Amino acid sequence: MRQVRTIELIPGRLSARVFAGQAPGGKDVWCYASAGLERVGQREIVLQIARHRGDTEDASNTPDFPFWVMRQAHREAEAGKPLDAGARLAVPGSEAGHGITGFLLEEHPDAAPLYPDSATPILAVPLVGDEYQVADVYGHARLLALLGAQERLFPYPAYFTRRRKSVVDYETLRAATVLARMAMTHTPWIEVAGSGTELRVTVLPERAGWFAWLLREHGPRGITVLTAATHSTAAHRYIWTRDGAPSAIGVNGIPIAGNSLVAGNFLVLVVTDGQSSTNRMEDGFGLVLSPADRDQISAALESGREYRHRTGPADLVIGTGSIGHDSPFGAYAAPDTFRRHEPPTAAAAPAHAGPPPEPSSSHPDSAPAKRRGFWSRSDRAAGPQPSLPPPPPLHHPDAPARFTAHPDSRPYWQGPQPPAHTSGPELGALPPWLPPAPAPAPQPDPAQRYAPRAVELKQIVLVSEEAAFAAEMPMDRMAAFCDEITRIVDEGVAAATGHDLEELVVGVEFAPERPLQVSLATKGSFPKPSAQALVNRLDGLNPPPVRERVLAFEVWFRARG
């Protein structure tokens, strides 16, 4: 981006830089970037506005509402209330102009290069009309998914288009959504996604205890958690429709296959007698838990373990992990950055593709949740919602990197040689890697490891929690499997001609009694036939056996010059 203007907002304390550049996807934008918020304990803020034909090259006639949100963030931080991703700012009256009624603050890794020596900035998303009220009541994720569907961008456009109309009417939504009768709480530190065989809930480790408390205290009355606006790895997200029919947006128009994870915008939690079950609800998911399963989940969360249990047609997986990992297979995949390639087995959706099926009504224990008191009872629907204590501060002093995309990638090891241990500041202080057996795992011999020629191993990112890997796979087995991936990638890149490959990422996921799932993403020019042949070879790998957990990770390579 090219800096064209600097504006002093608070002399000597706060200023704003204006850049001319392009958003991911090629849209010409003005990018406003604050300078000075970090001095008062506030992460810097960026905001993007789509350029108009009448805008001058020096940005002298561009809108000034970005300055309002920067000044407001400065005032909040000086008062000891810094804002982080997941926060909202309402605009009184017409103070900001352009019909803006409020702002949402979200993670924005694309703006990190503007602050090479600081934390990743947060993005201010301007809202118009009823959008702020919808986001405030029904969650950021639902509103931003609707905005992404309108602009045909996944997960949502980072830039603001002047004179655009509101994507939703509040009264229309309130009259049609089941959430209008439920108690809700904003939880931007929770992700939820489902496929045809699984419902997966991920909680930040430092919030696990709070989530367990929520299950115990508010599960019997029913509580809806409004989830993070982006998902670390899911390449699709459900969008709300007035008739409740399933609809979703995805990365680069990728169709939903039967094994594709689709992110939801909320999770309804109810604890009641009977069997546990899962089902899709509008643009989110519902989870009915028996008291026994609720207690097991709470114990697992508080001890840092993953909970996995079969509930009807789908597996329920609840564990801790990273939120907002900058994956080329997830929310931040940009068409001008990474190009995805899938094996033929993932291209065609089987007949049962879609979300976890609704429970059958042929058996009394698996009757639809609505008949078993899933919705709010009339005796409490009209009364006040339960008073929830506010969630802990979004920015946790013990884990500042958790809410930034790049430092939270949590590498297993970096470079071609694995270290003798897996803890240390350069690796995000991961716990020691231990095999299932008490005896220490043998370390792989560096002399026997594959030495690539066409690519260089950059990092291995654990998408599943570390505890799952430690319980399922010794380090030597993991190293051998990654070596085989490296060999196939190296041979495939070496055999390709006429390319200018920069980076290549292999996404891997395997689980008990389930075929290996492989995805490939390339950055830079790379022949499509060569990429397809490479991902087909990777799809034929035999993964190490696992007993009961889903293991997912990414192997990042850098092309050698």
Foldseek 3Di string as FASTA:
>chain_A
DAWQDKADLDPPAKIKIWGWDADFVGFTWIKIWMDRLVVLPAFIEIAIAGDDPPQDPSRPPPFDLVSVVVVVQSVCSNVVHHDAQQDKAADPDQVSHLQFGIWHWHFDQVCCVVPVPDFRHIYIDTAHDCLRVCCVQQHPQQQQCLQCVVVVHFPHDSHDYGPDDRSDDVVLCCVQALCVLAAEAEDQQWWWWFAQAATEIAGALVCLLVVLVCCVPCQQQKYKYFYHNWFQAAQKFWYADRVLDTDIHGHPRQDFARGGIYIAGMEIHHEDPFAWAKDQTGRHIYTYHYPVVSVVSSVCSVVQHWDWDDGPRYIYIYGYAAGQACDCNIRNNRPQFKDKDFAPVRRDHDPSTDGHDQFDCPDVRRRGVVVVCSGRDPVPSPPDHDDDDHRPDPQDPVCNCRRHHPVRQQFQAAWPARDPFRADVVRVGDDTQAAQDPDGDDDDDPVPADDADFKIWGTKGWRDDSVQCSHWDHPVLVRVVVSVLRVLVRVLRVPFPDWDWFKKKWKWKDFPPDAIGIMIMTGGGGDPVSVNVSNNVVSPDDHDDGDGDMTIMMTMIGGDD
